[in-house]
Amino acid sequence: MLFLYHFVAERLRRWVQYRLTVRELSQLTDRDLNDLGINRTEIYRVAKAATAH
């Protein structure tokens, strides 16, 4: 049962971090994103990769 709790807690933590990352990247200008080497269409992929650990 403890394993299940840790699994769910970890998934929730990753989801929250994913949403925060998407929100922060979405607030940047296209120029700022370009400076980071990110296209606006890549925000979700970048956020997923950043929180996949």
C-alpha atoms as a PDB file:
ATOM      1  CA  MET A   1       0.000   0.000   0.000  1.00  0.00           C
ATOM      2  CA  LEU A   2       2.872   2.344   0.784  1.00  0.00           C
ATOM      3  CA  PHE A   3       4.269   1.724  -2.710  1.00  0.00           C
ATOM      4  CA  LEU A   4       0.971   2.825  -4.252  1.00  0.00           C
ATOM      5  CA  TYR A   5       0.977   6.016  -2.177  1.00  0.00           C
ATOM      6  CA  HIS A   6       4.513   6.887  -3.285  1.00  0.00           C
ATOM      7  CA  PHE A   7       3.662   6.110  -6.915  1.00  0.00           C
ATOM      8  CA  VAL A   8       0.615   8.401  -6.876  1.00  0.00           C
ATOM      9  CA  ALA A   9       2.477  11.140  -4.991  1.00  0.00           C
ATOM     10  CA  GLU A  10       5.336  11.052  -7.507  1.00  0.00           C
ATOM     11  CA  ARG A  11       2.964  11.184 -10.475  1.00  0.00           C
ATOM     12  CA  LEU A  12       1.158  14.151  -8.927  1.00  0.00           C
ATOM     13  CA  ARG A  13       4.457  15.932  -8.259  1.00  0.00           C
ATOM     14  CA  ARG A  14       5.541  15.437 -11.878  1.00  0.00           C
ATOM     15  CA  TRP A  15       2.191  16.637 -13.215  1.00  0.00           C
ATOM     16  CA  VAL A  16       2.318  19.808 -11.084  1.00  0.00           C
ATOM     17  CA  GLN A  17       5.895  20.501 -12.214  1.00  0.00           C
ATOM     18  CA  TYR A  18       4.869  19.903 -15.850  1.00  0.00           C
ATOM     19  CA  ARG A  19       2.003  22.400 -15.562  1.00  0.00           C
ATOM     20  CA  LEU A  20       4.255  25.002 -13.899  1.00  0.00           C
ATOM     21  CA  THR A  21       6.868  24.574 -16.625  1.00  0.00           C
ATOM     22  CA  VAL A  22       4.266  24.951 -19.387  1.00  0.00           C
ATOM     23  CA  ARG A  23       2.865  28.064 -17.702  1.00  0.00           C
ATOM     24  CA  GLU A  24       6.279  29.681 -17.284  1.00  0.00           C
ATOM     25  CA  LEU A  25       7.405  28.932 -20.828  1.00  0.00           C
ATOM     26  CA  SER A  26       4.076  30.103 -22.244  1.00  0.00           C
ATOM     27  CA  GLN A  27       4.514  33.495 -20.588  1.00  0.00           C
ATOM     28  CA  LEU A  28       7.825  34.118 -22.370  1.00  0.00           C
ATOM     29  CA  THR A  29       7.931  36.117 -25.573  1.00  0.00           C
ATOM     30  CA  ASP A  30       8.819  34.437 -28.846  1.00  0.00           C
ATOM     31  CA  ARG A  31      12.152  36.240 -28.701  1.00  0.00           C
ATOM     32  CA  ASP A  32      12.911  34.897 -25.219  1.00  0.00           C
ATOM     33  CA  LEU A  33      11.960  31.391 -26.308  1.00  0.00           C
ATOM     34  CA  ASN A  34      14.171  31.740 -29.365  1.00  0.00           C
ATOM     35  CA  ASP A  35      17.085  32.762 -27.116  1.00  0.00           C
ATOM     36  CA  LEU A  36      16.541  29.466 -25.261  1.00  0.00           C
ATOM     37  CA  GLY A  37      16.407  27.559 -28.537  1.00  0.00           C
ATOM     38  CA  ILE A  38      12.728  26.716 -28.100  1.00  0.00           C
ATOM     39  CA  ASN A  39       9.927  27.276 -30.576  1.00  0.00           C
ATOM     40  CA  ARG A  40       6.486  28.033 -29.121  1.00  0.00           C
ATOM     41  CA  THR A  41       5.167  24.810 -30.674  1.00  0.00           C
ATOM     42  CA  GLU A  42       7.730  22.852 -28.641  1.00  0.00           C
ATOM     43  CA  ILE A  43       6.667  24.071 -25.187  1.00  0.00           C
ATOM     44  CA  TYR A  44       4.690  20.936 -24.265  1.00  0.00           C
ATOM     45  CA  ARG A  45       7.440  18.607 -25.487  1.00  0.00           C
ATOM     46  CA  VAL A  46      10.130  20.539 -23.612  1.00  0.00           C
ATOM     47  CA  ALA A  47       8.040  20.585 -20.428  1.00  0.00           C
ATOM     48  CA  LYS A  48       7.402  16.842 -20.685  1.00  0.00           C
ATOM     49  CA  ALA A  49      11.095  16.127 -21.198  1.00  0.00           C
ATOM     50  CA  ALA A  50      12.034  18.379 -18.285  1.00  0.00           C
ATOM     51  CA  THR A  51       9.718  16.542 -15.892  1.00  0.00           C
ATOM     52  CA  ALA A  52      10.258  12.982 -17.126  1.00  0.00           C
ATOM     53  CA  HIS A  53      12.965  12.123 -14.577  1.00  0.00           C
END
